[in-house]
Amino acid sequence: MVLVKERMATCSSATLHDRLQQVRIGIWQLELLAQKYQPLLTNDLAINDFEADVQGRMDCVDNTSNTSTYLHILRDIGALEGWSVSSPKVRNRFDLTAVHWTAVLIDTESEDAWSIDSWFRPNGHLPMVMPLRSWSREKKGWESPYAQLNPTPYSVYELCTSAGPETLTLQE
């Protein structure tokens, strides 16, 4: 857990961008730790399109449950300062082909709710983050303006506004 907190501290700025990147790093690190002890988790690919008959495949409910658990762990070790963990949320509850779940964090200062959605990426990768209201409207974390919050960098330092000369700004 010390290593998880150290990795999260890479993004040390108090900007919303860096705080969200800290959460992404924390979930990523806990997924990697979990798959060390549950190797089948490595079979969980993004979105379920290529793993229909694979042991270890997880749907969005499984991913949401795991991500919510990881958020509670991060909270319990004191790594989610300024955030509170909320109950998972669902969109399109009654549409069997479009129903989707996400883990949720609340920014304690602004009281804004954020979707922390790990289903769109393979286990052991950075989850997607976006305002819950946008997630509810089926916006995509990889499209503008949220793509800036959800990069897939070569280095963890590329995630943080505080780590390099170039700064990223959140476009809402």
Protein backbone atom coordinates (compact mmCIF):
# COMPACT_ATOMS: atom_id res chain seq x y z
CA MET A 1 0.00 0.00 0.00
CA VAL A 2 2.96 2.28 0.58
CA LEU A 3 4.01 1.81 -3.05
CA VAL A 4 0.46 2.53 -4.24
CA LYS A 5 0.42 5.79 -2.27
CA GLU A 6 3.89 6.71 -3.56
CA ARG A 7 2.79 6.17 -7.16
CA MET A 8 -0.36 8.22 -6.58
CA ALA A 9 1.77 11.05 -5.15
CA THR A 10 3.51 11.37 -8.54
CA CYS A 11 0.72 13.80 -9.38
CA SER A 12 1.28 16.15 -6.48
CA SER A 13 -0.62 19.23 -7.59
CA ALA A 14 -3.98 20.06 -6.01
CA THR A 15 -5.57 20.69 -9.41
CA LEU A 16 -8.67 18.68 -10.27
CA HIS A 17 -6.76 17.14 -13.17
CA ASP A 18 -3.97 15.81 -10.92
CA ARG A 19 -6.41 14.66 -8.25
CA LEU A 20 -8.28 12.61 -10.87
CA GLN A 21 -4.98 11.22 -12.17
CA GLN A 22 -4.10 10.17 -8.61
CA VAL A 23 -7.35 8.18 -8.48
CA ARG A 24 -6.63 6.60 -11.88
CA ILE A 25 -3.12 5.63 -10.74
CA GLY A 26 -4.49 4.16 -7.51
CA ILE A 27 -7.04 1.98 -9.33
CA TRP A 28 -4.43 0.90 -11.88
CA GLN A 29 -1.99 -0.10 -9.14
CA LEU A 30 -4.61 -2.03 -7.15
CA GLU A 31 -5.72 -3.88 -10.29
CA LEU A 32 -2.11 -4.90 -10.92
CA LEU A 33 -1.77 -6.04 -7.31
CA ALA A 34 -5.01 -8.03 -7.51
CA GLN A 35 -4.00 -9.82 -10.70
CA LYS A 36 -0.74 -10.83 -9.03
CA TYR A 37 -2.83 -12.96 -6.66
CA GLN A 38 -5.68 -13.72 -9.09
CA PRO A 39 -3.95 -14.34 -12.44
CA LEU A 40 -7.27 -14.89 -14.25
CA LEU A 41 -7.79 -11.13 -14.01
CA THR A 42 -5.22 -10.75 -16.80
CA ASN A 43 -7.82 -12.30 -19.11
CA ASP A 44 -10.21 -9.40 -18.55
CA LEU A 45 -9.86 -7.34 -21.71
CA ALA A 46 -11.61 -4.07 -22.47
CA ILE A 47 -15.35 -4.06 -23.17
CA ASN A 48 -15.77 -7.88 -23.45
CA ASP A 49 -15.73 -7.99 -27.26
CA PHE A 50 -12.83 -10.45 -27.55
CA GLU A 51 -13.19 -12.67 -24.51
CA ALA A 52 -16.59 -14.35 -24.71
CA ASP A 53 -15.39 -17.81 -23.68
CA VAL A 54 -12.41 -16.79 -21.54
CA GLN A 55 -12.15 -17.53 -17.83
CA GLY A 56 -11.62 -14.29 -15.93
CA ARG A 57 -13.85 -12.21 -18.18
CA MET A 58 -15.67 -9.50 -16.25
CA ASP A 59 -18.67 -7.44 -17.22
CA CYS A 60 -19.30 -3.85 -16.16
CA VAL A 61 -20.97 -4.99 -12.91
CA ASP A 62 -17.85 -6.98 -11.96
CA ASN A 63 -15.56 -4.08 -12.87
CA THR A 64 -17.71 -1.61 -10.96
CA SER A 65 -17.72 -3.84 -7.89
CA ASN A 66 -13.93 -4.22 -8.00
CA THR A 67 -13.33 -0.53 -8.65
CA SER A 68 -15.67 0.45 -5.80
CA THR A 69 -13.77 -1.93 -3.50
CA TYR A 70 -10.46 -0.43 -4.60
CA LEU A 71 -11.81 3.07 -3.94
CA HIS A 72 -12.81 2.00 -0.42
CA ILE A 73 -9.31 0.59 0.12
CA LEU A 74 -7.73 3.84 -1.10
CA ARG A 75 -10.03 5.78 1.23
CA ASP A 76 -9.16 3.52 4.17
CA ILE A 77 -5.41 3.99 3.68
CA GLY A 78 -5.84 7.77 3.50
CA ALA A 79 -5.12 8.10 -0.22
CA LEU A 80 -8.37 9.81 -1.27
CA GLU A 81 -8.12 13.17 0.43
CA GLY A 82 -10.86 15.46 -0.86
CA TRP A 83 -12.99 12.58 -2.16
CA SER A 84 -15.77 10.44 -0.75
CA VAL A 85 -16.80 7.10 -2.19
CA SER A 86 -20.42 6.86 -3.32
CA SER A 87 -22.59 3.94 -4.35
CA PRO A 88 -22.21 2.63 -7.90
CA LYS A 89 -24.57 4.09 -10.49
CA VAL A 90 -26.35 2.57 -13.47
CA ARG A 91 -27.50 4.02 -16.78
CA ASN A 92 -30.07 2.48 -19.14
CA ARG A 93 -31.15 0.07 -16.41
CA PHE A 94 -33.95 -1.50 -18.47
CA ASP A 95 -32.10 -1.79 -21.80
CA LEU A 96 -30.32 -5.15 -21.84
CA THR A 97 -27.99 -4.12 -24.66
CA ALA A 98 -27.06 -0.70 -23.24
CA VAL A 99 -27.21 -1.09 -19.44
CA HIS A 100 -23.93 -0.03 -17.83
CA TRP A 101 -22.58 0.46 -14.31
CA THR A 102 -19.80 2.65 -12.90
CA ALA A 103 -18.05 3.32 -9.62
CA VAL A 104 -18.54 6.85 -8.27
CA LEU A 105 -16.45 9.37 -6.33
CA ILE A 106 -17.71 12.68 -4.95
CA ASP A 107 -15.41 15.71 -4.79
CA THR A 108 -15.98 16.87 -1.20
CA GLU A 109 -15.25 20.52 -2.03
CA SER A 110 -17.47 20.98 -5.10
CA GLU A 111 -19.80 18.03 -4.37
CA ASP A 112 -19.47 17.01 -8.04
CA ALA A 113 -19.86 13.29 -8.75
CA TRP A 114 -17.31 11.53 -10.96
CA SER A 115 -17.55 8.24 -12.83
CA ILE A 116 -14.56 5.93 -12.35
CA ASP A 117 -15.14 3.36 -15.09
CA SER A 118 -12.63 0.52 -15.49
CA TRP A 119 -14.69 -1.59 -17.92
CA PHE A 120 -13.47 0.23 -21.04
CA ARG A 121 -9.86 -0.77 -20.42
CA PRO A 122 -8.22 -4.14 -19.72
CA ASN A 123 -7.60 -5.08 -16.09
CA GLY A 124 -4.37 -3.47 -14.90
CA HIS A 125 -4.83 -0.30 -16.96
CA LEU A 126 -5.91 3.22 -16.08
CA PRO A 127 -9.70 3.60 -15.76
CA MET A 128 -11.78 6.26 -17.53
CA VAL A 129 -12.90 9.25 -15.48
CA MET A 130 -15.50 11.89 -16.30
CA PRO A 131 -18.27 13.83 -14.58
CA LEU A 132 -21.06 11.44 -13.65
CA ARG A 133 -23.66 13.62 -15.38
CA SER A 134 -21.71 13.24 -18.68
CA TRP A 135 -21.30 9.49 -18.13
CA SER A 136 -25.07 9.26 -17.56
CA ARG A 137 -25.60 10.94 -20.95
CA GLU A 138 -23.40 8.23 -22.53
CA LYS A 139 -20.48 10.52 -23.32
CA LYS A 140 -17.22 8.71 -24.16
CA GLY A 141 -14.13 9.10 -21.97
CA TRP A 142 -11.84 8.80 -25.00
CA GLU A 143 -13.54 11.68 -26.86
CA SER A 144 -13.18 15.42 -26.35
CA PRO A 145 -13.31 17.05 -23.87
CA TYR A 146 -12.68 14.01 -21.64
CA ALA A 147 -9.83 12.48 -23.66
CA GLN A 148 -7.47 14.90 -21.93
CA LEU A 149 -8.40 13.31 -18.59
CA ASN A 150 -7.97 9.76 -19.89
CA PRO A 151 -4.65 9.46 -21.69
CA THR A 152 -2.73 6.21 -22.01
CA PRO A 153 0.81 7.51 -21.47
CA TYR A 154 4.20 5.84 -21.75
CA SER A 155 5.11 7.17 -18.30
CA VAL A 156 3.09 7.95 -15.21
CA TYR A 157 4.75 11.37 -15.20
CA GLU A 158 2.91 12.26 -18.41
CA LEU A 159 -0.37 12.11 -16.49
CA CYS A 160 0.42 14.95 -14.14
CA THR A 161 0.28 18.69 -14.69
CA SER A 162 2.84 19.08 -11.92
CA ALA A 163 5.41 16.65 -13.33
CA GLY A 164 6.45 18.31 -16.57
CA PRO A 165 6.86 21.64 -18.32
CA GLU A 166 3.61 21.25 -20.26
CA THR A 167 0.37 21.64 -18.36
CA LEU A 168 -2.99 20.17 -19.19
CA THR A 169 -6.26 21.92 -18.46
CA LEU A 170 -9.67 20.36 -17.98
CA GLN A 171 -12.12 21.50 -20.62
CA GLU A 172 -15.67 21.19 -19.35
